[in-house]
């Protein structure tokens, strides 16, 4: 695996928290920061993915499909609405 170095400057209070959490988790600070960055990237990419999917959605067609679902069929046991 290729690795790269980056000088990261954190506020002292933030670094103190990173140290505490990394120690609690039993991981190195470097590993903790790597995972934190990966989680943030994943969240941002997920948001972009759903925004792109929503932009090409055909809402009227989807609602039409939902309206047709189950027409003429009796409810199946367990399909009751919760009170």
C-alpha atoms as a PDB file:
ATOM      1  CA  UNK A   1       0.000   0.000   0.000  1.00  0.00           C
ATOM      2  CA  UNK A   2       1.321   3.417  -0.944  1.00  0.00           C
ATOM      3  CA  UNK A   3       1.524   5.894   1.925  1.00  0.00           C
ATOM      4  CA  UNK A   4       1.950   9.642   1.954  1.00  0.00           C
ATOM      5  CA  UNK A   5       2.788  12.157   4.653  1.00  0.00           C
ATOM      6  CA  UNK A   6       0.888  15.307   5.454  1.00  0.00           C
ATOM      7  CA  UNK A   7       1.663  17.796   8.212  1.00  0.00           C
ATOM      8  CA  UNK A   8      -1.603  18.224  10.082  1.00  0.00           C
ATOM      9  CA  UNK A   9      -2.028  21.112  12.489  1.00  0.00           C
ATOM     10  CA  UNK A  10      -4.782  20.617  15.029  1.00  0.00           C
ATOM     11  CA  UNK A  11      -5.895  22.938  17.779  1.00  0.00           C
ATOM     12  CA  UNK A  12      -4.472  21.727  21.106  1.00  0.00           C
ATOM     13  CA  UNK A  13      -7.920  21.013  22.545  1.00  0.00           C
ATOM     14  CA  UNK A  14      -8.846  18.935  19.490  1.00  0.00           C
ATOM     15  CA  UNK A  15      -5.577  17.033  19.638  1.00  0.00           C
ATOM     16  CA  UNK A  16      -6.169  16.274  23.338  1.00  0.00           C
ATOM     17  CA  UNK A  17      -9.549  14.777  22.470  1.00  0.00           C
ATOM     18  CA  UNK A  18      -8.069  12.768  19.599  1.00  0.00           C
ATOM     19  CA  UNK A  19      -5.442  11.347  21.967  1.00  0.00           C
ATOM     20  CA  UNK A  20      -8.095  10.383  24.540  1.00  0.00           C
ATOM     21  CA  UNK A  21     -10.395   8.717  22.039  1.00  0.00           C
ATOM     22  CA  UNK A  22      -7.589   6.907  20.222  1.00  0.00           C
ATOM     23  CA  UNK A  23      -6.298   5.579  23.535  1.00  0.00           C
ATOM     24  CA  UNK A  24      -9.798   4.491  24.571  1.00  0.00           C
ATOM     25  CA  UNK A  25     -10.235   2.733  21.224  1.00  0.00           C
ATOM     26  CA  UNK A  26      -6.792   1.147  21.489  1.00  0.00           C
ATOM     27  CA  UNK A  27      -5.520   2.550  18.196  1.00  0.00           C
ATOM     28  CA  UNK A  28      -2.715   4.884  17.181  1.00  0.00           C
ATOM     29  CA  UNK A  29      -3.582   8.533  16.612  1.00  0.00           C
ATOM     30  CA  UNK A  30      -2.592   8.130  12.955  1.00  0.00           C
ATOM     31  CA  UNK A  31      -5.010   5.216  12.539  1.00  0.00           C
ATOM     32  CA  UNK A  32      -7.790   7.151  14.278  1.00  0.00           C
ATOM     33  CA  UNK A  33      -7.309  10.133  11.955  1.00  0.00           C
ATOM     34  CA  UNK A  34      -7.227   7.850   8.888  1.00  0.00           C
ATOM     35  CA  UNK A  35     -10.542   6.268   9.893  1.00  0.00           C
ATOM     36  CA  UNK A  36     -12.089   9.657  10.691  1.00  0.00           C
ATOM     37  CA  UNK A  37     -11.140  11.019   7.263  1.00  0.00           C
ATOM     38  CA  UNK A  38     -12.454   7.862   5.557  1.00  0.00           C
ATOM     39  CA  UNK A  39     -15.782   8.160   7.408  1.00  0.00           C
ATOM     40  CA  UNK A  40     -16.160  11.818   6.433  1.00  0.00           C
ATOM     41  CA  UNK A  41     -15.380  11.083   2.775  1.00  0.00           C
ATOM     42  CA  UNK A  42     -17.890   8.247   2.811  1.00  0.00           C
ATOM     43  CA  UNK A  43     -20.595  10.513   4.238  1.00  0.00           C
ATOM     44  CA  UNK A  44     -19.926  13.220   1.646  1.00  0.00           C
ATOM     45  CA  UNK A  45     -19.918  10.747  -1.234  1.00  0.00           C
ATOM     46  CA  UNK A  46     -23.127   9.154   0.012  1.00  0.00           C
ATOM     47  CA  UNK A  47     -24.815  12.545   0.143  1.00  0.00           C
ATOM     48  CA  UNK A  48     -23.691  13.297  -3.419  1.00  0.00           C
ATOM     49  CA  UNK A  49     -24.842   9.859  -4.604  1.00  0.00           C
ATOM     50  CA  UNK A  50     -28.366  10.326  -3.249  1.00  0.00           C
ATOM     51  CA  UNK A  51     -28.549  13.886  -4.578  1.00  0.00           C
ATOM     52  CA  UNK A  52     -27.620  12.627  -8.052  1.00  0.00           C
ATOM     53  CA  UNK A  53     -30.164   9.788  -7.827  1.00  0.00           C
ATOM     54  CA  UNK A  54     -32.891  12.179  -6.656  1.00  0.00           C
ATOM     55  CA  UNK A  55     -32.153  14.555  -9.536  1.00  0.00           C
ATOM     56  CA  UNK A  56     -33.007  11.900 -12.102  1.00  0.00           C
ATOM     57  CA  UNK A  57     -36.005  10.479 -10.245  1.00  0.00           C
ATOM     58  CA  UNK A  58     -39.363  10.276 -12.010  1.00  0.00           C
ATOM     59  CA  UNK A  59     -41.657  11.108  -9.075  1.00  0.00           C
ATOM     60  CA  UNK A  60     -44.990  10.793 -10.938  1.00  0.00           C
ATOM     61  CA  UNK A  61     -43.983   7.357 -12.263  1.00  0.00           C
ATOM     62  CA  UNK A  62     -42.882   6.208  -8.795  1.00  0.00           C
ATOM     63  CA  UNK A  63     -46.163   7.363  -7.252  1.00  0.00           C
ATOM     64  CA  UNK A  64     -48.096   5.568 -10.009  1.00  0.00           C
ATOM     65  CA  UNK A  65     -46.245   2.333  -9.222  1.00  0.00           C
ATOM     66  CA  UNK A  66     -46.956   2.730  -5.501  1.00  0.00           C
ATOM     67  CA  UNK A  67     -50.657   3.323  -6.179  1.00  0.00           C
ATOM     68  CA  UNK A  68     -50.888   0.080  -8.196  1.00  0.00           C
ATOM     69  CA  UNK A  69     -49.106  -2.071  -5.626  1.00  0.00           C
ATOM     70  CA  UNK A  70     -51.431  -4.558  -3.996  1.00  0.00           C
ATOM     71  CA  UNK A  71     -54.618  -3.456  -5.780  1.00  0.00           C
ATOM     72  CA  UNK A  72     -57.250  -6.159  -5.675  1.00  0.00           C
ATOM     73  CA  UNK A  73     -55.341  -8.273  -3.175  1.00  0.00           C
ATOM     74  CA  UNK A  74     -56.400  -8.967   0.384  1.00  0.00           C
ATOM     75  CA  UNK A  75     -53.970  -7.936   3.143  1.00  0.00           C
ATOM     76  CA  UNK A  76     -51.512 -10.618   4.178  1.00  0.00           C
ATOM     77  CA  UNK A  77     -51.370 -11.679   7.827  1.00  0.00           C
ATOM     78  CA  UNK A  78     -49.085  -9.214   9.624  1.00  0.00           C
ATOM     79  CA  UNK A  79     -49.899  -6.325   7.237  1.00  0.00           C
ATOM     80  CA  UNK A  80     -52.010  -4.520   9.822  1.00  0.00           C
ATOM     81  CA  UNK A  81     -51.104  -0.948  10.718  1.00  0.00           C
ATOM     82  CA  UNK A  82     -49.647  -0.457  14.191  1.00  0.00           C
ATOM     83  CA  UNK A  83     -51.663   1.750  16.537  1.00  0.00           C
END
